[in-house]
Amino acid sequence: MSDSIDDLDRRARSLEFGMAVEHTFAEVWSGDTLTIRDRRLLLLGLLVAQGLDDMIAPQLDAALRTGELTPSELREIVVFLTHYAGWPRGTRLNAQVEDLITRFMNG
């Protein structure tokens, strides 16, 4: 039984996605010039600036769990990014950070 064009297209896109993910985590996050913390800070700034709230939480969680960023540093990031990304985005980020810190401290 031969594959339909849609099946082949779907598999090709899946392969492309897999290769992109592998490249991202194998190369982009493993260079030796920037630390993981540096990369995380850059990514957080980009995600906040673009309003990609659903992608911010996993990054905040990883930064806090691994010790890359402390609760105080996360709060300072909120203040800093609020001035550059705008108050609405800063307010949403603040809610995410405070929720995460509360769960982290109580967990």
Protein backbone atom coordinates (compact mmCIF):
# COMPACT_ATOMS: atom_id res chain seq x y z
CA MET A 1 0.00 0.00 0.00
CA SER A 2 1.51 3.32 -0.99
CA ASP A 3 1.52 6.42 1.18
CA SER A 4 -0.69 9.31 0.24
CA ILE A 5 0.81 12.69 -0.55
CA ASP A 6 -0.62 13.99 2.74
CA ASP A 7 1.05 11.17 4.70
CA LEU A 8 4.39 11.82 3.02
CA ASP A 9 4.07 15.56 3.62
CA ARG A 10 3.18 15.01 7.29
CA ARG A 11 6.16 12.68 7.79
CA ALA A 12 8.50 15.14 6.05
CA ARG A 13 7.33 17.99 8.28
CA SER A 14 7.74 15.78 11.35
CA LEU A 15 11.29 14.95 10.30
CA GLU A 16 12.06 18.64 9.70
CA PHE A 17 10.68 19.51 13.14
CA GLY A 18 12.73 16.75 14.76
CA MET A 19 15.87 17.97 13.05
CA ALA A 20 15.15 21.56 14.10
CA VAL A 21 14.64 20.51 17.73
CA GLU A 22 17.80 18.42 17.69
CA HIS A 23 19.76 21.32 16.21
CA THR A 24 18.35 23.74 18.76
CA PHE A 25 19.22 21.66 21.77
CA ALA A 26 22.38 20.05 20.46
CA GLU A 27 24.07 23.12 19.04
CA VAL A 28 22.33 26.34 19.98
CA TRP A 29 22.21 25.55 23.71
CA SER A 30 25.61 23.89 23.94
CA GLY A 31 28.03 26.47 22.58
CA ASP A 32 30.93 27.41 24.80
CA THR A 33 30.82 31.20 24.52
CA LEU A 34 27.54 31.89 26.34
CA THR A 35 26.51 30.12 29.51
CA ILE A 36 23.16 28.37 29.80
CA ARG A 37 22.15 31.21 32.14
CA ASP A 38 23.06 33.79 29.48
CA ARG A 39 21.04 31.91 26.89
CA ARG A 40 18.09 31.60 29.27
CA LEU A 41 18.14 35.36 29.96
CA LEU A 42 18.22 36.15 26.25
CA LEU A 43 15.39 33.74 25.55
CA LEU A 44 13.26 35.12 28.38
CA GLY A 45 13.70 38.64 27.03
CA LEU A 46 12.67 37.54 23.55
CA LEU A 47 9.66 35.57 24.77
CA VAL A 48 8.42 38.43 26.93
CA ALA A 49 8.96 40.99 24.17
CA GLN A 50 6.96 38.84 21.75
CA GLY A 51 4.21 38.17 24.29
CA LEU A 52 4.69 34.39 24.13
CA ASP A 53 3.41 33.83 27.66
CA ASP A 54 2.83 30.09 27.31
CA MET A 55 6.50 29.57 26.46
CA ILE A 56 7.79 31.71 29.33
CA ALA A 57 6.64 29.51 32.22
CA PRO A 58 8.81 26.49 31.32
CA GLN A 59 11.86 28.74 31.00
CA LEU A 60 11.20 30.42 34.35
CA ASP A 61 10.68 27.04 35.98
CA ALA A 62 13.88 25.62 34.53
CA ALA A 63 15.89 28.68 35.57
CA LEU A 64 14.64 28.48 39.15
CA ARG A 65 14.89 24.68 39.48
CA THR A 66 18.47 24.56 38.17
CA GLY A 67 19.62 27.50 40.25
CA GLU A 68 20.44 29.58 37.19
CA LEU A 69 18.28 32.35 38.60
CA THR A 70 17.16 33.08 42.15
CA PRO A 71 13.74 34.41 43.15
CA SER A 72 15.31 37.86 43.66
CA GLU A 73 16.87 37.77 40.21
CA LEU A 74 13.57 36.72 38.63
CA ARG A 75 11.86 39.67 40.30
CA GLU A 76 14.57 42.02 39.03
CA ILE A 77 14.09 40.63 35.52
CA VAL A 78 10.39 41.51 35.80
CA VAL A 79 11.23 45.11 36.68
CA PHE A 80 13.78 45.39 33.89
CA LEU A 81 11.67 43.81 31.16
CA THR A 82 8.55 45.72 32.17
CA HIS A 83 10.27 48.96 31.21
CA TYR A 84 11.27 47.63 27.80
CA ALA A 85 8.46 45.24 26.88
CA GLY A 86 5.65 47.34 28.32
CA TRP A 87 3.49 47.29 31.40
CA PRO A 88 0.88 44.80 30.16
CA ARG A 89 3.55 42.20 29.36
CA GLY A 90 5.43 43.01 32.55
CA THR A 91 2.28 42.54 34.60
CA ARG A 92 1.68 39.11 33.07
CA LEU A 93 5.33 38.17 33.63
CA ASN A 94 5.12 39.32 37.24
CA ALA A 95 2.10 37.08 37.82
CA GLN A 96 3.96 34.11 36.34
CA VAL A 97 7.08 34.78 38.39
CA GLU A 98 5.23 35.26 41.67
CA ASP A 99 3.15 32.12 41.09
CA LEU A 100 6.29 30.13 40.35
CA ILE A 101 8.15 31.47 43.39
CA THR A 102 5.19 30.66 45.65
CA ARG A 103 5.01 27.10 44.32
CA PHE A 104 8.80 26.73 44.57
CA MET A 105 8.92 27.95 48.17
CA ASN A 106 5.95 25.81 49.23
CA GLY A 107 6.92 22.74 47.25
